[in-house]
C-alpha atoms as a PDB file:
ATOM      1  CA  MET A   1       0.037   0.270   0.244  1.00  0.00           C
ATOM      2  CA  GLU A   2       2.969   2.686   1.350  1.00  0.00           C
ATOM      3  CA  GLY A   3       4.253   1.535  -2.838  1.00  0.00           C
ATOM      4  CA  SER A   4       1.425   2.159  -4.187  1.00  0.00           C
ATOM      5  CA  ALA A   5       1.080   6.185  -2.507  1.00  0.00           C
ATOM      6  CA  ILE A   6       4.705   7.086  -3.454  1.00  0.00           C
ATOM      7  CA  ALA A   7       3.820   6.063  -6.705  1.00  0.00           C
ATOM      8  CA  ALA A   8       1.370   9.067  -6.934  1.00  0.00           C
ATOM      9  CA  GLU A   9       3.419  11.076  -5.630  1.00  0.00           C
ATOM     10  CA  MET A  10       5.773  10.790  -8.015  1.00  0.00           C
ATOM     11  CA  ARG A  11       3.573  10.899 -10.312  1.00  0.00           C
ATOM     12  CA  ALA A  12       1.619  13.442  -9.691  1.00  0.00           C
ATOM     13  CA  THR A  13       5.122  15.643  -8.549  1.00  0.00           C
ATOM     14  CA  ALA A  14       5.885  15.114 -12.130  1.00  0.00           C
ATOM     15  CA  ALA A  15       3.102  16.405 -13.173  1.00  0.00           C
ATOM     16  CA  VAL A  16       3.905  19.296 -11.551  1.00  0.00           C
ATOM     17  CA  ALA A  17       7.345  19.688 -12.444  1.00  0.00           C
ATOM     18  CA  GLY A  18       7.572  18.308 -16.152  1.00  0.00           C
ATOM     19  CA  PRO A  19       6.069  21.527 -18.094  1.00  0.00           C
ATOM     20  CA  LEU A  20       8.986  23.875 -15.430  1.00  0.00           C
ATOM     21  CA  ALA A  21      11.384  22.018 -16.240  1.00  0.00           C
ATOM     22  CA  ALA A  22      10.214  22.382 -20.443  1.00  0.00           C
ATOM     23  CA  ALA A  23       9.813  26.036 -19.670  1.00  0.00           C
ATOM     24  CA  ASN A  24      13.585  26.376 -18.342  1.00  0.00           C
ATOM     25  CA  LEU A  25      15.321  24.063 -20.896  1.00  0.00           C
ATOM     26  CA  ALA A  26      13.128  26.289 -23.750  1.00  0.00           C
ATOM     27  CA  GLN A  27      14.340  29.738 -22.055  1.00  0.00           C
ATOM     28  CA  MET A  28      17.971  28.244 -21.495  1.00  0.00           C
ATOM     29  CA  ALA A  29      18.338  27.539 -24.750  1.00  0.00           C
ATOM     30  CA  MET A  30      16.759  30.385 -25.958  1.00  0.00           C
ATOM     31  CA  GLY A  31      20.321  31.799 -23.598  1.00  0.00           C
ATOM     32  CA  PHE A  32      22.488  29.351 -25.574  1.00  0.00           C
ATOM     33  CA  THR A  33      20.583  29.848 -28.978  1.00  0.00           C
ATOM     34  CA  ASN A  34      21.599  33.861 -27.759  1.00  0.00           C
ATOM     35  CA  THR A  35      24.558  33.511 -27.375  1.00  0.00           C
ATOM     36  CA  VAL A  36      25.781  31.514 -30.862  1.00  0.00           C
ATOM     37  CA  MET A  37      24.084  34.043 -33.155  1.00  0.00           C
ATOM     38  CA  VAL A  38      25.125  37.025 -31.045  1.00  0.00           C
ATOM     39  CA  GLY A  39      28.957  34.761 -30.884  1.00  0.00           C
ATOM     40  CA  SER A  40      29.938  35.353 -34.331  1.00  0.00           C
ATOM     41  CA  LEU A  41      29.216  39.012 -34.452  1.00  0.00           C
ATOM     42  CA  GLY A  42      32.336  39.582 -31.901  1.00  0.00           C
ATOM     43  CA  SER A  43      32.784  40.331 -28.348  1.00  0.00           C
ATOM     44  CA  ALA A  44      31.814  43.911 -27.906  1.00  0.00           C
ATOM     45  CA  ALA A  45      28.522  42.610 -29.391  1.00  0.00           C
ATOM     46  CA  LEU A  46      28.032  39.411 -27.205  1.00  0.00           C
ATOM     47  CA  ALA A  47      29.483  41.423 -23.913  1.00  0.00           C
ATOM     48  CA  ALA A  48      26.595  43.513 -24.690  1.00  0.00           C
ATOM     49  CA  ALA A  49      24.306  40.566 -25.501  1.00  0.00           C
ATOM     50  CA  GLY A  50      25.388  39.171 -22.061  1.00  0.00           C
ATOM     51  CA  LEU A  51      25.211  42.213 -20.213  1.00  0.00           C
ATOM     52  CA  GLY A  52      21.354  44.064 -21.445  1.00  0.00           C
ATOM     53  CA  ALA A  53      20.742  40.258 -20.878  1.00  0.00           C
ATOM     54  CA  SER A  54      21.161  40.594 -16.734  1.00  0.00           C
ATOM     55  CA  LEU A  55      20.004  44.463 -16.738  1.00  0.00           C
ATOM     56  CA  ASP A  56      16.632  42.463 -18.432  1.00  0.00           C
ATOM     57  CA  PHE A  57      16.468  39.807 -16.642  1.00  0.00           C
ATOM     58  CA  THR A  58      16.957  41.437 -12.917  1.00  0.00           C
ATOM     59  CA  VAL A  59      14.446  45.106 -14.773  1.00  0.00           C
ATOM     60  CA  SER A  60      11.858  41.999 -15.220  1.00  0.00           C
ATOM     61  CA  MET A  61      12.034  40.028 -12.254  1.00  0.00           C
ATOM     62  CA  VAL A  62      11.887  43.049  -9.723  1.00  0.00           C
ATOM     63  CA  CYS A  63       8.938  44.644 -11.878  1.00  0.00           C
ATOM     64  CA  ALA A  64       7.333  41.127 -11.709  1.00  0.00           C
ATOM     65  CA  GLY A  65       8.168  40.727  -7.366  1.00  0.00           C
ATOM     66  CA  VAL A  66       5.898  43.945  -7.577  1.00  0.00           C
ATOM     67  CA  LEU A  67       3.155  42.854  -9.482  1.00  0.00           C
ATOM     68  CA  THR A  68       3.542  39.297  -7.933  1.00  0.00           C
ATOM     69  CA  ALA A  69       1.147  40.195  -5.057  1.00  0.00           C
ATOM     70  CA  VAL A  70      -2.167  41.615  -7.629  1.00  0.00           C
ATOM     71  CA  ALA A  71      -3.276  37.070  -8.203  1.00  0.00           C
ATOM     72  CA  PRO A  72      -3.265  36.149  -5.273  1.00  0.00           C
ATOM     73  CA  LEU A  73      -5.107  38.398  -3.520  1.00  0.00           C
ATOM     74  CA  ALA A  74      -7.247  38.447  -6.699  1.00  0.00           C
ATOM     75  CA  ALA A  75      -7.583  34.866  -6.415  1.00  0.00           C
ATOM     76  CA  HIS A  76      -8.723  35.434  -2.147  1.00  0.00           C
ATOM     77  CA  ALA A  77     -11.541  38.670  -3.603  1.00  0.00           C
ATOM     78  CA  ILE A  78     -12.957  35.076  -6.014  1.00  0.00           C
ATOM     79  CA  GLY A  79     -12.679  32.163  -3.618  1.00  0.00           C
ATOM     80  CA  ALA A  80     -15.067  34.740  -1.311  1.00  0.00           C
ATOM     81  CA  GLY A  81     -17.486  35.418  -4.255  1.00  0.00           C
ATOM     82  CA  ASP A  82     -16.622  38.876  -4.428  1.00  0.00           C
ATOM     83  CA  SER A  83     -16.000  39.362  -8.392  1.00  0.00           C
ATOM     84  CA  ARG A  84     -16.472  43.225  -8.057  1.00  0.00           C
ATOM     85  CA  ARG A  85     -13.454  42.927  -5.404  1.00  0.00           C
ATOM     86  CA  ALA A  86     -11.662  40.391  -8.087  1.00  0.00           C
ATOM     87  CA  GLY A  87     -11.770  42.944 -10.669  1.00  0.00           C
ATOM     88  CA  GLN A  88     -10.498  46.691  -8.961  1.00  0.00           C
ATOM     89  CA  VAL A  89      -7.469  44.716  -7.750  1.00  0.00           C
ATOM     90  CA  ALA A  90      -6.776  43.327 -11.014  1.00  0.00           C
ATOM     91  CA  GLY A  91      -7.494  46.853 -12.505  1.00  0.00           C
ATOM     92  CA  LYS A  92      -5.113  48.470  -9.689  1.00  0.00           C
ATOM     93  CA  GLY A  93      -3.294  45.725 -11.131  1.00  0.00           C
ATOM     94  CA  LEU A  94      -2.454  47.220 -14.675  1.00  0.00           C
ATOM     95  CA  VAL A  95      -2.370  49.760 -13.185  1.00  0.00           C
ATOM     96  CA  LEU A  96       0.761  49.227 -11.054  1.00  0.00           C
ATOM     97  CA  ALA A  97       1.774  47.788 -14.794  1.00  0.00           C
ATOM     98  CA  ALA A  98       1.444  51.030 -16.108  1.00  0.00           C
ATOM     99  CA  LEU A  99       3.151  52.863 -13.569  1.00  0.00           C
ATOM    100  CA  LEU A 100       6.168  50.773 -13.020  1.00  0.00           C
ATOM    101  CA  ALA A 101       6.604  51.038 -17.124  1.00  0.00           C
ATOM    102  CA  VAL A 102       7.196  54.472 -17.192  1.00  0.00           C
ATOM    103  CA  PRO A 103      10.294  54.475 -15.643  1.00  0.00           C
ATOM    104  CA  VAL A 104      11.598  51.655 -16.923  1.00  0.00           C
ATOM    105  CA  ILE A 105      11.382  53.220 -20.634  1.00  0.00           C
ATOM    106  CA  ALA A 106      12.942  56.605 -18.745  1.00  0.00           C
ATOM    107  CA  MET A 107      15.480  53.774 -17.859  1.00  0.00           C
ATOM    108  CA  LEU A 108      15.852  52.345 -21.495  1.00  0.00           C
ATOM    109  CA  MET A 109      16.099  55.408 -22.854  1.00  0.00           C
ATOM    110  CA  MET A 110      19.224  56.941 -21.088  1.00  0.00           C
ATOM    111  CA  LEU A 111      20.824  53.740 -20.252  1.00  0.00           C
ATOM    112  CA  PRO A 112      23.992  54.248 -22.552  1.00  0.00           C
ATOM    113  CA  GLY A 113      24.853  57.430 -20.259  1.00  0.00           C
ATOM    114  CA  LEU A 114      23.269  55.905 -17.023  1.00  0.00           C
ATOM    115  CA  LEU A 115      25.317  53.174 -18.213  1.00  0.00           C
ATOM    116  CA  ALA A 116      28.497  55.869 -19.114  1.00  0.00           C
ATOM    117  CA  VAL A 117      28.618  57.086 -15.705  1.00  0.00           C
ATOM    118  CA  LEU A 118      28.220  53.318 -13.812  1.00  0.00           C
ATOM    119  CA  GLY A 119      32.337  52.616 -15.870  1.00  0.00           C
ATOM    120  CA  TYR A 120      31.594  51.216 -18.828  1.00  0.00           C
ATOM    121  CA  ALA A 121      32.766  52.477 -21.518  1.00  0.00           C
ATOM    122  CA  PRO A 122      30.910  54.037 -24.398  1.00  0.00           C
ATOM    123  CA  ALA A 123      30.541  51.431 -26.977  1.00  0.00           C
ATOM    124  CA  LEU A 124      29.637  48.753 -24.684  1.00  0.00           C
ATOM    125  CA  ALA A 125      26.448  50.712 -23.092  1.00  0.00           C
ATOM    126  CA  ALA A 126      26.274  51.755 -26.848  1.00  0.00           C
ATOM    127  CA  GLU A 127      25.929  48.681 -27.532  1.00  0.00           C
ATOM    128  CA  ILE A 128      24.193  47.392 -25.259  1.00  0.00           C
ATOM    129  CA  GLY A 129      20.929  50.286 -25.274  1.00  0.00           C
ATOM    130  CA  ARG A 130      21.017  48.999 -28.323  1.00  0.00           C
ATOM    131  CA  PHE A 131      20.220  45.180 -27.432  1.00  0.00           C
ATOM    132  CA  LEU A 132      18.002  46.232 -25.647  1.00  0.00           C
END
């Protein structure tokens, strides 16, 4: 009896973990493909792509982290049968996303100058700006 319970747990875990593992592998494959494609353009382009991708990931995760609260708050309202409140939460989440986009867009527009102030070579800063 215990063996079948373990097997059932393993199947349930694989059902949840399989798509997550596949998504992670797909993301890694995309990074590898980007590296191979950009690598033929030279070291400056490869450096810009690597640094730009890291910057993009960091900014994306900060914004996503702030917006992560929207889903459980909306789900809580739906679970309580308050669809009006769920709509309010979702609407405020969209407004928050738009508000977060403003400084991100401003930063991207000023990126070469910001990176130069941080000590990046001007040519590399311009390449990172182009990449993003």
